[in-house]
Protein backbone atom coordinates (compact mmCIF):
# COMPACT_ATOMS: atom_id res chain seq x y z
CA MET A 1 13.92 -69.79 -15.72
CA ARG A 2 15.07 -66.20 -16.13
CA VAL A 3 18.17 -65.89 -18.35
CA VAL A 4 20.16 -62.65 -18.41
CA LEU A 5 23.02 -62.13 -20.84
CA ILE A 6 25.63 -60.00 -19.05
CA ALA A 7 28.53 -58.38 -20.88
CA ALA A 8 30.81 -55.38 -21.03
CA GLN A 9 31.39 -53.94 -24.48
CA SER A 10 33.07 -51.08 -26.27
CA LEU A 11 31.00 -48.43 -28.03
CA ASP A 12 31.50 -50.35 -31.27
CA GLY A 13 30.12 -53.59 -29.83
CA ARG A 14 33.30 -55.54 -29.03
CA ILE A 15 33.66 -57.62 -25.88
CA THR A 16 37.38 -58.28 -26.38
CA PRO A 17 40.05 -56.37 -28.27
CA TYR A 18 41.40 -57.84 -31.53
CA GLY A 19 43.83 -60.69 -30.90
CA GLN A 20 42.94 -60.94 -27.21
CA THR A 21 40.65 -63.30 -25.38
CA GLU A 22 39.97 -61.10 -22.39
CA ALA A 23 38.16 -57.86 -21.77
CA ALA A 24 41.25 -55.94 -20.62
CA PHE A 25 39.55 -52.66 -21.61
CA VAL A 26 36.90 -53.02 -18.89
CA SER A 27 36.75 -50.18 -16.36
CA ASP A 28 37.18 -50.37 -12.61
CA ALA A 29 33.48 -49.42 -12.39
CA ASP A 30 32.50 -52.61 -14.24
CA ARG A 31 34.97 -54.70 -12.25
CA GLY A 32 33.16 -53.53 -9.11
CA TRP A 33 29.61 -53.84 -10.47
CA PHE A 34 29.96 -57.26 -12.12
CA PRO A 35 30.64 -59.46 -9.05
CA ALA A 36 27.91 -57.64 -7.12
CA CYS A 37 25.33 -58.23 -9.86
CA LEU A 38 26.16 -61.94 -10.00
CA ARG A 39 24.78 -62.36 -6.47
CA GLU A 40 21.30 -62.28 -8.05
CA PHE A 41 21.93 -65.54 -9.91
CA ASP A 42 21.93 -69.15 -8.74
CA CYS A 43 23.53 -70.48 -11.93
CA SER A 44 25.69 -69.30 -14.80
CA VAL A 45 26.74 -70.49 -18.24
CA MET A 46 29.91 -69.64 -20.12
CA GLY A 47 31.88 -71.06 -23.01
CA ALA A 48 35.10 -73.02 -22.81
CA ALA A 49 37.26 -70.08 -23.95
CA THR A 50 35.84 -67.87 -21.19
CA TYR A 51 36.39 -70.67 -18.67
CA ARG A 52 40.00 -71.27 -19.70
CA LEU A 53 40.74 -67.56 -19.44
CA ASN A 54 39.21 -67.30 -15.94
CA ARG A 55 40.02 -70.82 -14.69
CA ALA A 56 42.22 -69.85 -11.73
CA THR A 57 39.85 -67.14 -10.49
CA LEU A 58 36.80 -69.40 -10.81
CA GLN A 59 38.44 -72.30 -9.02
CA ALA A 60 39.52 -70.01 -6.18
CA ARG A 61 35.89 -68.90 -5.72
CA MET A 62 34.37 -72.39 -5.73
CA GLY A 63 32.61 -73.08 -2.47
CA ARG A 64 32.60 -69.40 -1.46
CA VAL A 65 29.96 -68.40 -4.00
CA ALA A 66 26.77 -70.47 -4.15
CA ARG A 67 26.24 -70.63 -7.89
CA HIS A 68 26.05 -73.64 -10.17
CA ARG A 69 28.36 -73.03 -13.13
CA VAL A 70 28.19 -74.79 -16.49
CA VAL A 71 30.81 -74.49 -19.18
CA LEU A 72 29.48 -75.25 -22.64
CA THR A 73 32.02 -77.02 -24.79
CA ARG A 74 32.05 -79.31 -27.79
CA ASP A 75 34.27 -81.71 -25.81
CA PRO A 76 33.17 -81.91 -22.14
CA ALA A 77 35.55 -84.82 -21.49
CA ALA A 78 38.56 -82.58 -22.21
CA LEU A 79 37.79 -80.45 -19.13
CA ALA A 80 36.07 -83.07 -16.96
CA ARG A 81 39.00 -83.26 -14.53
CA ASP A 82 38.06 -79.73 -13.34
CA ALA A 83 34.44 -80.66 -12.54
CA ILE A 84 33.19 -80.10 -8.98
CA PRO A 85 29.82 -81.75 -8.31
CA GLY A 86 27.09 -79.18 -7.73
CA GLN A 87 29.39 -76.27 -8.50
CA LEU A 88 31.14 -76.68 -11.85
CA GLU A 89 30.30 -78.94 -14.77
CA PHE A 90 31.05 -79.22 -18.45
CA SER A 91 28.35 -79.91 -21.01
CA SER A 92 27.56 -79.95 -24.71
CA GLU A 93 23.79 -79.67 -24.15
CA ALA A 94 21.62 -77.39 -26.26
CA PRO A 95 20.49 -74.22 -24.45
CA GLY A 96 16.86 -75.36 -24.01
CA ALA A 97 17.84 -78.76 -22.63
CA LEU A 98 20.37 -77.23 -20.23
CA LEU A 99 17.90 -74.66 -18.90
CA SER A 100 15.18 -77.30 -18.50
CA ARG A 101 17.60 -79.35 -16.42
CA PHE A 102 18.38 -76.29 -14.30
CA GLU A 103 14.66 -75.73 -13.69
CA ARG A 104 14.12 -79.36 -12.71
CA GLY A 105 16.94 -78.88 -10.20
CA GLY A 106 15.21 -75.86 -8.66
CA LEU A 107 17.40 -73.18 -10.19
CA LYS A 108 15.64 -69.97 -11.22
CA HIS A 109 18.07 -67.24 -12.32
CA CYS A 110 20.80 -67.88 -14.93
CA ALA A 111 23.58 -65.45 -15.83
CA LEU A 112 24.76 -65.99 -19.40
CA LEU A 113 28.44 -65.02 -19.42
CA GLY A 114 29.39 -66.25 -22.85
CA GLY A 115 31.51 -64.97 -25.63
CA GLY A 116 29.97 -64.05 -28.96
CA GLU A 117 29.27 -67.66 -30.01
CA ILE A 118 27.59 -68.69 -26.77
CA ASN A 119 25.57 -65.46 -26.72
CA ALA A 120 24.40 -66.09 -30.30
CA LEU A 121 23.52 -69.72 -29.49
CA PHE A 122 21.26 -68.73 -26.58
CA LEU A 123 19.71 -65.76 -28.39
CA ALA A 124 18.96 -67.91 -31.46
CA ALA A 125 17.33 -70.49 -29.19
CA GLY A 126 15.01 -67.77 -27.88
CA VAL A 127 15.82 -68.41 -24.22
CA VAL A 128 17.36 -65.05 -23.23
CA ASP A 129 15.01 -62.75 -21.29
CA GLU A 130 17.25 -59.74 -20.71
CA LEU A 131 20.59 -58.23 -21.66
CA TRP A 132 22.62 -56.22 -19.16
CA VAL A 133 25.38 -54.44 -21.03
CA THR A 134 28.05 -52.22 -19.54
CA LEU A 135 29.00 -49.72 -22.22
CA GLU A 136 32.67 -48.81 -21.89
CA PRO A 137 33.88 -45.44 -23.24
CA CYS A 138 36.21 -46.74 -25.93
CA LEU A 139 36.36 -47.94 -29.54
CA LEU A 140 38.25 -51.13 -30.34
CA GLY A 141 37.72 -51.33 -34.10
CA ALA A 142 37.96 -55.11 -34.16
CA GLY A 143 37.75 -58.05 -31.79
CA GLN A 144 35.10 -60.43 -30.48
CA PRO A 145 31.58 -59.08 -31.03
CA LEU A 146 28.85 -59.28 -28.41
CA VAL A 147 27.01 -61.68 -30.73
CA ALA A 148 28.87 -63.76 -33.32
CA GLY A 149 26.54 -64.76 -36.10
CA GLN A 150 23.35 -63.66 -37.72
CA VAL A 151 20.95 -63.34 -34.82
CA ARG A 152 18.16 -60.78 -34.90
CA VAL A 153 16.42 -59.96 -31.65
CA ALA A 154 14.13 -57.05 -30.78
CA LEU A 155 14.95 -55.34 -27.48
CA GLN A 156 13.24 -52.83 -25.23
CA LEU A 157 15.31 -50.52 -23.06
CA LYS A 158 14.33 -50.93 -19.41
CA GLU A 159 17.04 -48.99 -17.59
CA THR A 160 20.09 -46.85 -18.22
CA ARG A 161 22.30 -45.61 -15.44
CA PRO A 162 25.89 -44.61 -14.91
CA ILE A 163 27.98 -47.00 -12.84
CA GLY A 164 31.14 -44.93 -13.05
CA ARG A 165 32.70 -42.01 -14.81
CA ASP A 166 31.69 -42.28 -18.48
CA VAL A 167 30.50 -45.90 -18.00
CA LEU A 168 26.84 -46.80 -18.57
CA LEU A 169 24.85 -49.84 -17.60
CA MET A 170 22.00 -50.55 -19.99
CA LYS A 171 19.35 -53.16 -19.25
CA TYR A 172 17.17 -54.43 -22.08
CA ALA A 173 14.27 -56.87 -22.17
CA VAL A 174 13.97 -59.25 -25.11
CA VAL A 175 10.74 -58.54 -26.98
CA ARG A 176 9.28 -61.88 -27.99
CA GLY A 177 7.20 -62.28 -31.13
CA VAL A 178 8.36 -59.00 -32.68
CA ALA A 179 10.70 -58.91 -35.67
CA PRO A 180 13.50 -56.36 -35.11
CA ASP A 181 12.67 -54.59 -38.40
CA ALA A 182 8.96 -54.35 -37.50
CA ALA A 183 9.58 -53.22 -33.95
CA GLY A 184 10.31 -49.61 -34.78
CA PRO A 185 11.37 -47.59 -31.76
CA LEU A 186 10.07 -50.32 -29.37
CA SER A 187 7.99 -48.02 -27.23
CA GLY A 188 5.92 -50.92 -25.95
CA ASN A 189 2.96 -50.16 -28.24
């Protein structure tokens, strides 16, 4: 199972502005790129806060987009009324167990669309293969970080390209078995 963490962030590493739960700072370039990139994935995982924020949009797209969506939450029963078999479910499974279940079901490509806590959970579990980060040309100073918690992961830059005026897409591979401090400039050597 290939797992790709996908996020848009400010230059100072924030995925939402302080006091807000949405990425209102995201550019039109990212708003165009993001739905197109999701076509590569047959499943996605997000947290309950992300789901609640995007609930109406997600429900409107059910059936039109062939992707199995799982919302990780501490209380799956609280959102169970929204479940749609084969399209949208709510779970409290650990990342490894969830991804194993996906694989048994024939799924191969998972988009991780979490907030900072979900991103940290999957990175700490060692199940993320790549990070695709849209770097927005702004500083927010405070707000939700890309990763909430003390997670250390070595990365190798695979691609950088502009997707709009002043907006960069950076794709990184997770380097397994290398401590971030020992990795140095991660040239692949």
